[in-house]
Amino acid sequence: MRILVPTSCLCPVLLCLCVLERSYGSGHHAISKLPGRNHSLTHSHNQTRGPNGETEVHHRPKRGWIWNQFFVLEEHIGPDAQYVGKLHSNSDKGDGSVRYILSGEGAGTIFIIDESTGDIHATKSLDREKKTHYVLHAQAIDRNTNKPLEPESEFIIKVQDINDNAPKFPDGPFDTSVAEMSEVGTSVFQVTATDADDPTYGNSARVVYSILQGQPYFSVDPKTGIIRTALAGMDREAREHYTVVIQAKDMAGQVGGLSGSTTVNITLTDVNDNPPNFPQKNYQLYVPESAQVGKPVGKIRATDEDLGINAEIKYSIMNSEGATTFSIHTDRDTREGIISLKKPLNFEKKKSYTLHIEAVNPHLDPRFSHLGPYKDTATLKITVGDVDEPPVFSMDHYILDVYENSPVGTEVGSVTAHDPDSKNSPIRYFIDRRNEDSYFSIEADSGMIRTTQVLDREKTPWHNLSVSASEVDNPSFLSHVPVTVQVLDKNDNPPEIPTDEDIIVCESIRPGQVSVSHLPHKHTHTHMHPFSCLSGVFDKHDWRVWDRWKWR
């Protein structure tokens, strides 16, 4: 006898439970347990063993207990318990002598059975996403004898899925990036939604993707969830950040399907698609002539809308006039061109310089070479500022001379200094007296040096002076120059013969000649070894011998 599951259960499979042949002997029963298919096991004969060990076969009428899966709809809501199905044995004559017993998962709590009729009901709302099926056991017992009428059989109650779960993006929102200027169709990111419904039953878990926000810049593959660029020439410098909202809808996107969404934040990364640019073509810079060599004197800056290495700039001075006197290098932090001085400036010789400066991107991307050239030029005019400088002497060191015993006021020589500035201020001179006695004076206007005392070469043959010059308009600006005065010799000292020495006269002396063995004075023109005779003629105007020697 076949028992049907009620049509209100919406189960696609016909469930039946039939009586398997019941053995009245000592035979055993085996039940097939392959869920999902109708199974039957029929005992066509009963076997007993005779006294001689021979097997005796007793033929019986065929009977069977046929069963299949039961289905119960999940998330059932209602005042009454949900009807699942019926157990029935062909031994049941309807007189109440058969008692049906249900055991296994959920028996007595979730699933209850009417022991007399075999009707099974689900008393609770079930969630397939928590438990997909229940394994139970059925048994038919004679109420009078309490003996089983059928062998115990295992069957499954499967929870039937409904579309009660919307797709979800468990890891969202997402952050990703793609290079600016990417070609249309460039893969950006892939999103994957999960649906807890049964993927093997219907379309409850069949998800389709669509884009709710982010068009026309991006698109999404409806099956794979891959986001791609949809617009050519997206420029980071124009717009860097995009918010894309992706929707996942189950039931294959049909009306009535559930949906979930997520946000994908997309940032355009930089490529070198912008050349450097000087905001203006002509610049001016003032540099005083007192600027120090090797020190920065100014800066210039080209702009580049790119980032990082793509925005690096190398500066250079293109013309020889500027490159000879100035240099330029790039500040890595500010990307400015720092201009430094290579040679001293002189306002009186050159009052301005013109520099042709070029800014170049050193790291080029060949994909965007058609957007170049990746360089720019500008003109920088440098004006040299006049600075009040101290006087400049015509020589770095003066060496003058004067004869000893010259009268006071004798001119020794002059020093000369001039104002290097264009105003040509008058100069005043003076002698630094810190390390020098007052042997000399200097005329403040002319720089002429004169003696203030009679000089003695034998006492001080050299005099070292320090002469200073200052501008009349700015006395605080001083220049100094060393001046060395050599005292020249005059014949102002006679020869001297020590009184404790013997005078030797050679026998060959002739009138008008003097012969001596030793003349100790340093001005003696003839030096002779002691006891040697060397005659010489001495003019009385050149030699004067006092005390014991007189010229006649």
Protein backbone atom coordinates (compact mmCIF):
# COMPACT_ATOMS: atom_id res chain seq x y z
CA MET A 1 0.00 0.00 0.00
CA ARG A 2 1.49 3.39 -1.00
CA ILE A 3 1.27 6.46 1.18
CA LEU A 4 1.46 9.89 -0.52
CA VAL A 5 2.95 13.03 0.93
CA PRO A 6 0.33 15.79 0.91
CA THR A 7 0.47 18.16 -2.01
CA SER A 8 0.60 21.14 0.30
CA CYS A 9 4.19 20.15 1.15
CA LEU A 10 5.30 21.27 -2.35
CA CYS A 11 7.72 18.35 -2.49
CA PRO A 12 8.61 17.22 -6.02
CA VAL A 13 9.23 13.64 -5.04
CA LEU A 14 6.49 11.15 -4.31
CA LEU A 15 7.13 9.58 -0.96
CA CYS A 16 5.81 6.20 -0.17
CA LEU A 17 6.28 3.72 2.55
CA CYS A 18 5.06 0.17 1.88
CA VAL A 19 5.06 -3.00 3.77
CA LEU A 20 8.00 -5.30 3.22
CA GLU A 21 7.32 -8.98 3.34
CA ARG A 22 7.02 -10.07 6.93
CA SER A 23 8.71 -13.31 7.91
CA TYR A 24 6.87 -15.61 10.27
CA GLY A 25 9.93 -17.82 10.75
CA SER A 26 13.36 -17.16 12.07
CA GLY A 27 14.63 -15.40 8.93
CA HIS A 28 16.30 -11.97 9.01
CA HIS A 29 15.39 -8.85 6.98
CA ALA A 30 17.79 -6.41 5.21
CA ILE A 31 16.84 -2.88 4.18
CA SER A 32 18.45 -0.89 1.34
CA LYS A 33 19.50 2.61 2.41
CA LEU A 34 20.24 4.68 -0.65
CA PRO A 35 18.49 8.03 -0.12
CA GLY A 36 16.99 9.81 -3.02
CA ARG A 37 15.67 6.76 -4.80
CA ASN A 38 12.79 4.35 -4.21
CA HIS A 39 14.10 1.17 -2.75
CA SER A 40 12.46 -2.18 -2.09
CA LEU A 41 13.64 -5.39 -0.62
CA THR A 42 11.43 -8.42 -1.09
CA HIS A 43 11.93 -11.77 0.65
CA SER A 44 10.71 -14.42 -1.82
CA HIS A 45 11.41 -17.34 0.46
CA ASN A 46 12.18 -18.31 4.03
CA GLN A 47 14.97 -20.74 4.85
CA THR A 48 15.13 -23.31 7.73
CA ARG A 49 17.71 -25.95 8.49
CA GLY A 50 16.57 -29.64 8.83
CA PRO A 51 17.87 -32.24 11.27
CA ASN A 52 20.35 -33.57 8.72
CA GLY A 53 21.74 -30.12 8.00
CA GLU A 54 19.74 -29.77 4.82
CA THR A 55 18.14 -26.47 4.06
CA GLU A 56 14.36 -26.40 3.69
CA VAL A 57 12.83 -23.60 1.65
CA HIS A 58 9.36 -22.28 2.62
CA HIS A 59 7.76 -20.18 -0.10
CA ARG A 60 5.78 -17.11 1.08
CA PRO A 61 3.76 -14.43 -0.67
CA LYS A 62 5.84 -11.35 -1.64
CA ARG A 63 5.49 -8.37 0.56
CA GLY A 64 7.64 -5.20 0.85
CA TRP A 65 8.25 -2.02 2.82
CA ILE A 66 9.16 0.60 0.24
CA TRP A 67 10.47 4.02 1.41
CA ASN A 68 12.04 7.21 0.05
CA GLN A 69 13.16 10.64 1.31
CA PHE A 70 10.68 12.90 3.02
CA PHE A 71 10.88 16.63 2.40
CA VAL A 72 9.94 19.45 4.71
CA LEU A 73 9.90 23.07 3.71
CA GLU A 74 12.22 25.29 5.72
CA GLU A 75 11.13 28.44 7.50
CA HIS A 76 7.54 27.20 7.81
CA ILE A 77 5.42 29.72 9.64
CA GLY A 78 1.94 28.85 10.77
CA PRO A 79 -0.20 27.92 13.75
CA ASP A 80 -0.21 24.21 12.93
CA ALA A 81 2.60 21.75 12.69
CA GLN A 82 3.83 21.11 9.15
CA TYR A 83 2.74 17.77 7.75
CA VAL A 84 5.73 15.74 6.53
CA GLY A 85 4.40 12.33 5.49
CA LYS A 86 2.99 8.96 6.65
CA LEU A 87 4.40 5.61 7.71
CA HIS A 88 2.24 2.60 6.89
CA SER A 89 2.60 -1.14 6.97
CA ASN A 90 0.56 -3.52 4.86
CA SER A 91 0.02 -5.45 8.07
CA ASP A 92 -2.00 -2.55 9.36
CA LYS A 93 -5.71 -3.51 8.99
CA GLY A 94 -6.86 -0.22 10.40
CA ASP A 95 -7.99 -1.71 13.67
CA GLY A 96 -5.39 0.07 15.77
CA SER A 97 -3.36 -3.05 16.38
CA VAL A 98 -0.26 -1.54 14.78
CA ARG A 99 1.88 1.03 16.65
CA TYR A 100 4.32 3.14 14.69
CA ILE A 101 7.55 4.24 16.38
CA LEU A 102 9.87 7.04 15.20
CA SER A 103 13.46 7.43 16.45
CA GLY A 104 16.62 9.25 15.39
CA GLU A 105 17.56 12.92 14.89
CA GLY A 106 14.84 15.23 16.12
CA ALA A 107 12.39 12.43 16.85
CA GLY A 108 9.97 13.47 19.58
CA THR A 109 11.15 17.08 19.58
CA ILE A 110 11.20 18.35 16.03
CA PHE A 111 9.37 15.48 14.43
CA ILE A 112 6.39 13.74 16.05
CA ILE A 113 4.45 10.75 14.81
CA ASP A 114 0.90 9.62 15.40
CA GLU A 115 1.50 6.09 16.68
CA SER A 116 -1.81 4.89 15.32
CA THR A 117 -1.90 6.48 11.90
CA GLY A 118 1.85 6.85 11.21
CA ASP A 119 1.44 10.56 10.29
CA ILE A 120 4.63 12.59 10.78
CA HIS A 121 4.61 16.33 11.53
CA ALA A 122 7.34 18.93 12.02
CA THR A 123 6.60 20.99 15.10
CA LYS A 124 9.30 23.62 14.62
CA SER A 125 10.43 25.96 11.87
CA LEU A 126 13.59 24.54 10.36
CA ASP A 127 16.53 26.35 8.81
CA ARG A 128 18.23 24.50 5.98
CA GLU A 129 21.31 26.72 6.33
CA LYS A 130 21.81 25.33 9.85
CA LYS A 131 20.92 21.67 9.12
CA THR A 132 20.12 20.27 5.69
CA HIS A 133 18.64 16.86 6.64
CA TYR A 134 17.69 14.55 9.48
CA VAL A 135 18.28 10.80 9.70
CA LEU A 136 15.44 8.86 11.41
CA HIS A 137 14.34 5.28 11.92
CA ALA A 138 10.84 3.83 11.48
CA GLN A 139 9.37 0.72 13.06
CA ALA A 140 5.93 -0.97 13.07
CA ILE A 141 5.02 -3.02 16.21
CA ASP A 142 2.07 -5.25 17.01
CA ARG A 143 0.32 -3.65 19.99
CA ASN A 144 -0.91 -6.96 21.29
CA THR A 145 2.32 -8.94 21.16
CA ASN A 146 4.72 -5.99 21.21
CA LYS A 147 6.60 -7.73 18.44
CA PRO A 148 7.90 -5.91 15.34
CA LEU A 149 5.83 -6.36 12.28
CA GLU A 150 8.53 -4.91 10.05
CA PRO A 151 12.26 -4.62 10.44
CA GLU A 152 13.48 -1.18 11.56
CA SER A 153 14.20 1.01 8.54
CA GLU A 154 16.28 4.18 8.23
CA PHE A 155 15.01 7.08 6.20
CA ILE A 156 15.90 10.77 5.67
CA ILE A 157 13.85 13.91 6.07
CA LYS A 158 15.48 16.57 3.90
CA VAL A 159 14.89 20.27 4.60
CA GLN A 160 13.74 21.84 1.38
CA ASP A 161 15.40 25.20 0.56
CA ILE A 162 13.57 28.45 -0.01
CA ASN A 163 15.18 31.72 -1.06
CA ASP A 164 15.53 33.20 2.40
CA ASN A 165 19.15 34.40 2.23
CA ALA A 166 20.38 37.44 0.36
CA PRO A 167 23.85 37.43 -1.23
CA LYS A 168 26.57 38.91 1.00
CA PHE A 169 30.08 40.29 0.55
CA PRO A 170 31.74 39.16 3.78
CA ASP A 171 35.00 41.06 3.30
CA GLY A 172 33.77 44.41 1.98
CA PRO A 173 34.15 47.27 1.56
CA PHE A 174 37.24 46.98 -0.62
CA ASP A 175 40.11 49.28 -1.56
CA THR A 176 42.04 48.80 -4.78
CA SER A 177 43.84 50.76 -7.46
CA VAL A 178 44.47 50.86 -11.19
CA ALA A 179 46.93 52.91 -13.23
CA GLU A 180 45.59 56.06 -14.80
CA MET A 181 45.30 56.15 -18.60
CA SER A 182 44.67 52.37 -18.62
CA GLU A 183 43.07 50.83 -21.68
CA VAL A 184 39.36 50.07 -21.67
CA GLY A 185 38.74 46.60 -20.26
CA THR A 186 41.69 46.58 -17.89
CA SER A 187 40.92 44.29 -14.95
CA VAL A 188 40.71 46.21 -11.69
CA PHE A 189 39.29 43.92 -9.01
CA GLN A 190 37.03 40.90 -8.51
CA VAL A 191 34.25 40.75 -5.96
CA THR A 192 32.63 37.51 -4.84
CA ALA A 193 29.29 37.30 -3.08
CA THR A 194 28.18 34.31 -1.05
CA ASP A 195 24.60 33.03 -0.78
CA ALA A 196 23.70 30.62 2.04
CA ASP A 197 20.85 29.08 0.08
CA ASP A 198 21.08 25.68 -1.61
CA PRO A 199 23.15 25.98 -4.80
CA THR A 200 21.87 22.61 -6.03
CA TYR A 201 18.21 23.51 -5.90
CA GLY A 202 16.65 26.12 -8.11
CA ASN A 203 18.12 29.62 -8.51
CA SER A 204 18.10 30.65 -4.88
CA ALA A 205 21.91 30.79 -4.79
CA ARG A 206 22.55 31.75 -8.41
CA VAL A 207 24.03 35.23 -8.21
CA VAL A 208 24.27 37.88 -10.91
CA TYR A 209 26.41 41.04 -10.48
CA SER A 210 25.57 44.53 -11.61
CA ILE A 211 27.01 47.99 -11.03
CA LEU A 212 24.87 50.51 -9.15
CA GLN A 213 27.40 53.34 -8.95
CA GLY A 214 30.61 54.00 -10.86
CA GLN A 215 29.46 54.22 -14.44
CA PRO A 216 30.59 55.16 -17.03
CA TYR A 217 34.08 54.74 -15.62
CA PHE A 218 33.84 51.07 -14.64
CA SER A 219 31.85 47.95 -15.49
CA VAL A 220 31.38 44.54 -13.86
CA ASP A 221 31.09 41.09 -15.40
CA PRO A 222 27.64 39.78 -14.36
CA LYS A 223 28.88 36.21 -13.87
CA THR A 224 32.42 36.57 -12.48
CA GLY A 225 32.19 39.85 -10.57
CA ILE A 226 35.35 41.19 -12.26
CA ILE A 227 35.43 44.99 -12.33
CA ARG A 228 37.05 46.53 -15.41
CA THR A 229 37.78 50.01 -16.72
CA ALA A 230 35.07 51.21 -19.08
CA LEU A 231 36.32 54.69 -20.04
CA ALA A 232 39.51 55.56 -21.91
CA GLY A 233 41.94 58.24 -20.77
CA MET A 234 41.01 58.42 -17.11
CA ASP A 235 43.38 61.06 -15.76
CA ARG A 236 44.55 60.96 -12.13
CA GLU A 237 45.35 64.65 -12.24
CA ALA A 238 41.71 65.37 -13.09
CA ARG A 239 40.18 62.85 -10.66
CA GLU A 240 41.98 60.40 -8.41
CA HIS A 241 39.34 58.54 -6.38
CA TYR A 242 36.22 56.66 -7.45
CA THR A 243 33.51 54.91 -5.43
CA VAL A 244 32.00 51.90 -7.17
CA VAL A 245 28.95 50.11 -5.73
CA ILE A 246 28.42 46.52 -6.89
CA GLN A 247 25.16 44.62 -6.38
CA ALA A 248 24.78 40.84 -6.24
CA LYS A 249 21.24 39.52 -6.86
CA ASP A 250 20.16 35.89 -6.54
CA MET A 251 17.45 34.06 -8.50
CA ALA A 252 19.72 34.74 -11.50
CA GLY A 253 18.76 38.39 -11.28
CA GLN A 254 15.05 37.77 -11.77
CA VAL A 255 12.34 39.88 -10.23
CA GLY A 256 11.78 38.89 -6.63
CA GLY A 257 15.36 37.84 -6.04
CA LEU A 258 17.23 39.02 -2.97
CA SER A 259 20.25 41.28 -3.29
CA GLY A 260 23.24 42.59 -1.40
CA SER A 261 25.79 45.23 -2.28
CA THR A 262 29.32 46.29 -1.46
CA THR A 263 31.54 49.30 -2.07
CA VAL A 264 34.84 49.21 -3.93
CA ASN A 265 37.02 52.30 -3.50
CA ILE A 266 39.26 52.63 -6.56
CA THR A 267 42.27 54.94 -6.68
CA LEU A 268 44.03 55.84 -9.90
CA THR A 269 47.79 55.43 -9.52
CA ASP A 270 50.16 57.83 -11.22
CA VAL A 271 52.03 57.40 -14.49
CA ASN A 272 54.41 59.89 -16.07
CA ASP A 273 51.97 61.54 -18.43
CA ASN A 274 52.74 65.17 -17.56
CA PRO A 275 55.90 67.13 -18.51
CA PRO A 276 57.51 69.64 -16.15
CA ASN A 277 56.35 73.19 -16.62
CA PHE A 278 57.67 76.59 -15.56
CA PRO A 279 54.70 78.74 -14.45
CA GLN A 280 56.28 81.68 -16.24
CA LYS A 281 58.93 82.02 -18.91
CA ASN A 282 60.95 84.88 -17.46
CA TYR A 283 62.31 85.27 -13.94
CA GLN A 284 64.49 87.84 -12.23
CA LEU A 285 66.95 87.43 -9.36
CA TYR A 286 69.02 89.96 -7.42
CA VAL A 287 72.43 88.80 -6.20
CA PRO A 288 74.84 91.14 -4.35
CA GLU A 289 78.39 91.14 -5.58
CA SER A 290 79.47 90.13 -2.07
CA ALA A 291 77.81 86.70 -2.43
CA GLN A 292 80.10 83.85 -1.44
CA VAL A 293 81.32 81.35 -3.99
CA GLY A 294 79.75 77.92 -3.51
CA LYS A 295 76.76 79.27 -1.63
CA PRO A 296 73.14 79.30 -2.92
CA VAL A 297 72.03 82.66 -4.27
CA GLY A 298 68.49 81.83 -5.42
CA LYS A 299 66.09 79.18 -6.63
CA ILE A 300 63.66 78.45 -9.43
CA ARG A 301 60.89 75.83 -9.60
CA ALA A 302 59.10 74.00 -12.36
CA THR A 303 55.83 72.22 -11.56
CA ASP A 304 54.91 68.63 -12.44
CA GLU A 305 51.43 67.29 -11.76
CA ASP A 306 52.69 63.72 -11.49
CA LEU A 307 53.77 62.03 -8.26
CA GLY A 308 56.85 60.34 -6.86
CA ILE A 309 59.51 59.33 -9.33
CA ASN A 310 57.33 60.52 -12.21
CA ALA A 311 57.58 64.09 -10.91
CA GLU A 312 61.37 64.17 -10.46
CA ILE A 313 63.02 67.08 -12.27
CA LYS A 314 66.62 67.67 -13.33
CA TYR A 315 67.65 71.27 -13.90
CA SER A 316 70.54 72.51 -16.08
CA ILE A 317 71.93 75.84 -17.32
CA MET A 318 72.05 75.68 -21.10
CA ASN A 319 74.08 78.80 -22.06
CA SER A 320 77.81 79.15 -21.41
CA GLU A 321 77.51 82.66 -19.96
CA GLY A 322 75.39 81.40 -17.13
CA ALA A 323 77.06 78.00 -16.70
CA THR A 324 80.50 79.59 -16.28
CA THR A 325 79.50 81.72 -13.30
CA PHE A 326 76.55 79.81 -11.83
CA SER A 327 75.53 76.20 -11.18
CA ILE A 328 72.14 74.61 -10.47
CA HIS A 329 71.05 71.40 -8.72
CA THR A 330 67.73 69.88 -7.68
CA ASP A 331 66.52 69.87 -4.09
CA ARG A 332 65.06 66.37 -3.64
CA ASP A 333 62.50 67.46 -1.05
CA THR A 334 61.10 70.57 -2.74
CA ARG A 335 62.07 69.73 -6.34
CA GLU A 336 63.37 73.29 -6.70
CA GLY A 337 66.38 74.28 -8.75
CA ILE A 338 68.96 75.71 -6.33
CA ILE A 339 71.27 78.23 -8.00
CA SER A 340 74.77 78.63 -6.56
CA LEU A 341 77.69 80.90 -7.34
CA LYS A 342 80.77 79.38 -9.01
CA LYS A 343 82.89 82.55 -9.41
CA PRO A 344 83.07 85.87 -7.55
CA LEU A 345 80.84 88.66 -8.83
CA ASN A 346 82.05 92.17 -9.55
CA PHE A 347 79.46 94.80 -10.09
CA GLU A 348 81.94 97.20 -11.62
CA LYS A 349 82.90 94.62 -14.30
CA LYS A 350 79.55 92.92 -15.04
CA LYS A 351 76.23 94.08 -13.76
CA SER A 352 73.91 91.28 -14.99
CA TYR A 353 73.78 87.72 -16.27
CA THR A 354 71.18 85.86 -18.34
CA LEU A 355 70.65 82.16 -17.60
CA HIS A 356 68.71 79.80 -19.88
CA ILE A 357 67.44 77.04 -17.57
CA GLU A 358 65.97 73.72 -18.67
CA ALA A 359 63.84 71.36 -16.54
CA VAL A 360 63.68 67.72 -17.68
CA ASN A 361 61.90 64.54 -16.46
CA PRO A 362 64.68 61.93 -16.07
CA HIS A 363 62.28 58.94 -15.88
CA LEU A 364 60.20 58.64 -19.05
CA ASP A 365 57.41 56.20 -19.87
CA PRO A 366 57.57 55.25 -23.57
CA ARG A 367 53.82 54.58 -23.60
CA PHE A 368 53.19 58.29 -23.25
CA SER A 369 56.04 59.70 -25.32
CA HIS A 370 53.50 61.18 -27.72
CA LEU A 371 52.40 63.54 -24.94
CA GLY A 372 55.91 65.06 -24.66
CA PRO A 373 58.45 66.52 -24.89
CA TYR A 374 58.96 66.04 -21.16
CA LYS A 375 60.93 69.24 -20.59
CA ASP A 376 60.50 73.00 -20.40
CA THR A 377 62.75 76.07 -20.44
CA ALA A 378 62.77 79.46 -18.76
CA THR A 379 65.01 82.54 -18.75
CA LEU A 380 66.47 83.85 -15.50
CA LYS A 381 68.02 87.33 -15.47
CA ILE A 382 70.37 87.88 -12.55
CA THR A 383 71.10 91.44 -11.53
CA VAL A 384 74.37 91.95 -9.67
CA GLY A 385 73.97 94.32 -6.73
CA ASP A 386 76.61 96.91 -5.95
CA VAL A 387 78.04 96.52 -2.44
CA ASP A 388 80.17 99.13 -0.68
CA GLU A 389 83.58 97.49 -0.62
CA PRO A 390 86.69 98.55 1.27
CA PRO A 391 89.54 100.24 -0.59
CA VAL A 392 91.80 98.11 -2.71
CA PHE A 393 95.59 98.71 -2.69
CA SER A 394 97.45 98.62 -5.96
CA MET A 395 99.86 96.04 -4.57
CA ASP A 396 99.57 93.24 -2.06
CA HIS A 397 102.93 94.14 -0.46
CA TYR A 398 105.06 97.25 -0.75
CA ILE A 399 108.88 97.24 -0.41
CA LEU A 400 110.46 100.71 -0.08
CA ASP A 401 114.01 101.88 0.72
CA VAL A 402 115.73 104.92 2.13
CA TYR A 403 119.35 105.73 3.01
CA GLU A 404 120.39 105.84 6.58
CA ASN A 405 121.23 109.17 8.11
CA SER A 406 118.72 110.87 5.76
CA PRO A 407 117.18 114.02 7.14
CA VAL A 408 113.88 113.88 8.96
CA GLY A 409 111.03 114.25 6.48
CA THR A 410 112.77 112.37 3.67
CA GLU A 411 110.28 110.75 1.28
CA VAL A 412 110.48 106.98 1.47
CA GLY A 413 107.76 106.13 -1.05
CA SER A 414 103.99 106.04 -1.39
CA VAL A 415 101.17 103.51 -1.32
CA THR A 416 98.05 103.76 -3.46
CA ALA A 417 94.52 102.49 -2.87
CA HIS A 418 91.25 103.16 -4.64
CA ASP A 419 87.55 102.71 -3.99
CA PRO A 420 86.38 99.70 -6.10
CA ASP A 421 82.81 100.98 -6.07
CA SER A 422 81.40 103.11 -8.79
CA LYS A 423 81.11 106.19 -6.58
CA ASN A 424 84.94 106.29 -6.26
CA SER A 425 85.03 107.69 -2.75
CA PRO A 426 88.24 109.53 -1.67
CA ILE A 427 90.73 107.50 0.37
CA ARG A 428 92.46 108.29 3.65
CA TYR A 429 95.69 106.57 4.78
CA PHE A 430 97.23 105.99 8.16
CA ILE A 431 99.87 103.83 9.78
CA ASP A 432 98.96 101.23 12.35
CA ARG A 433 101.14 102.13 15.34
CA ARG A 434 100.54 99.02 17.41
CA ASN A 435 103.81 97.28 16.47
CA GLU A 436 105.93 100.05 15.09
CA ASP A 437 107.90 102.92 16.63
CA SER A 438 107.35 106.37 15.23
CA TYR A 439 110.05 106.31 12.58
CA PHE A 440 107.66 107.12 9.74
CA SER A 441 104.57 109.13 8.98
CA ILE A 442 102.12 109.03 6.07
CA GLU A 443 100.21 111.77 4.35
CA ALA A 444 96.52 111.02 4.77
CA ASP A 445 95.51 112.19 1.29
CA SER A 446 98.39 111.03 -0.89
CA GLY A 447 99.75 107.97 0.88
CA MET A 448 103.32 109.39 0.85
CA ILE A 449 105.47 107.91 3.60
CA ARG A 450 108.20 110.09 5.18
CA THR A 451 110.80 109.61 7.89
CA THR A 452 110.21 111.11 11.30
CA GLN A 453 113.62 110.17 12.72
CA VAL A 454 117.17 109.66 11.44
CA LEU A 455 117.62 106.01 10.60
CA ASP A 456 120.68 103.94 11.39
CA ARG A 457 121.16 100.88 9.22
CA GLU A 458 123.65 99.39 11.65
CA LYS A 459 121.00 99.53 14.35
CA THR A 460 117.80 98.59 12.40
CA PRO A 461 118.26 97.62 8.76
CA TRP A 462 114.54 96.80 8.13
CA HIS A 463 111.30 98.40 9.25
CA ASN A 464 107.90 96.68 8.89
CA LEU A 465 104.83 98.89 8.69
CA SER A 466 101.11 98.23 8.39
CA VAL A 467 99.32 100.87 6.35
CA SER A 468 95.54 101.14 6.41
CA ALA A 469 93.20 102.83 3.97
CA SER A 470 89.58 103.82 4.49
CA GLU A 471 86.92 105.54 2.48
CA VAL A 472 86.08 109.08 3.47
CA ASP A 473 82.35 108.28 3.13
CA ASN A 474 82.58 105.09 5.12
CA PRO A 475 85.51 105.04 7.54
CA SER A 476 84.45 101.70 8.99
CA PHE A 477 85.52 99.93 5.79
CA LEU A 478 89.27 99.38 6.14
CA SER A 479 91.92 97.71 4.05
CA HIS A 480 95.43 96.88 5.24
CA VAL A 481 98.67 96.34 3.40
CA PRO A 482 102.15 95.44 4.69
CA VAL A 483 104.97 97.87 3.87
CA THR A 484 108.63 96.94 4.33
CA VAL A 485 111.24 99.75 4.45
CA GLN A 486 114.88 98.82 3.79
CA VAL A 487 117.48 101.14 5.24
CA LEU A 488 120.33 101.53 2.75
CA ASP A 489 123.94 101.80 3.90
CA LYS A 490 126.13 104.87 3.85
CA ASN A 491 129.91 104.93 4.63
CA ASP A 492 129.50 106.42 8.04
CA ASN A 493 131.80 104.15 10.04
CA PRO A 494 135.74 104.16 9.93
CA PRO A 495 137.79 101.00 10.24
CA GLU A 496 138.76 100.09 13.76
CA ILE A 497 141.89 98.31 14.94
CA PRO A 498 141.77 96.76 18.38
CA THR A 499 144.53 98.23 20.58
CA ASP A 500 145.53 94.82 21.89
CA GLU A 501 146.57 93.56 18.49
CA ASP A 502 150.02 93.95 16.84
CA ILE A 503 150.37 95.84 13.60
CA ILE A 504 152.62 94.11 11.12
CA VAL A 505 154.15 96.19 8.32
CA CYS A 506 155.63 94.39 5.37
CA GLU A 507 159.20 95.27 4.45
CA SER A 508 158.30 95.71 0.81
CA ILE A 509 156.02 98.62 1.48
CA ARG A 510 156.37 101.61 -0.82
CA PRO A 511 155.38 105.22 -0.30
CA GLY A 512 151.61 105.65 -0.52
CA GLN A 513 150.89 102.08 0.51
CA VAL A 514 149.63 100.63 3.78
CA SER A 515 150.01 97.04 4.72
CA VAL A 516 148.17 95.53 7.69
CA SER A 517 147.71 92.04 8.89
CA HIS A 518 144.12 92.50 10.14
CA LEU A 519 141.46 95.11 9.80
CA PRO A 520 138.61 94.14 12.14
CA HIS A 521 135.97 96.58 10.85
CA LYS A 522 133.37 95.07 8.57
CA HIS A 523 133.79 97.85 6.01
CA THR A 524 137.37 96.92 5.34
CA HIS A 525 137.78 96.22 1.62
CA THR A 526 140.73 93.87 2.03
CA HIS A 527 140.74 90.94 4.43
CA MET A 528 144.06 89.21 4.97
CA HIS A 529 145.05 86.16 6.85
CA PRO A 530 147.15 87.13 9.92
CA PHE A 531 150.85 87.43 9.21
CA SER A 532 150.34 87.68 5.49
CA CYS A 533 151.54 90.72 3.58
CA LEU A 534 149.14 92.16 1.11
CA SER A 535 149.60 95.75 0.13
CA GLY A 536 146.88 97.98 -0.98
CA VAL A 537 146.40 101.61 -1.83
CA PHE A 538 143.84 103.45 0.32
CA ASP A 539 142.36 106.74 -0.59
CA LYS A 540 142.29 109.10 2.28
CA HIS A 541 138.77 110.02 1.34
CA ASP A 542 137.67 106.45 1.85
CA TRP A 543 139.57 105.64 4.96
CA ARG A 544 140.07 107.56 8.11
CA VAL A 545 142.13 106.17 10.89
CA TRP A 546 141.82 107.99 14.12
CA ASP A 547 143.94 107.83 17.23
CA ARG A 548 147.32 106.36 16.12
CA TRP A 549 146.81 106.72 12.34
CA LYS A 550 146.62 110.05 10.54
CA TRP A 551 146.79 110.77 6.84
CA ARG A 552 149.42 113.23 5.89
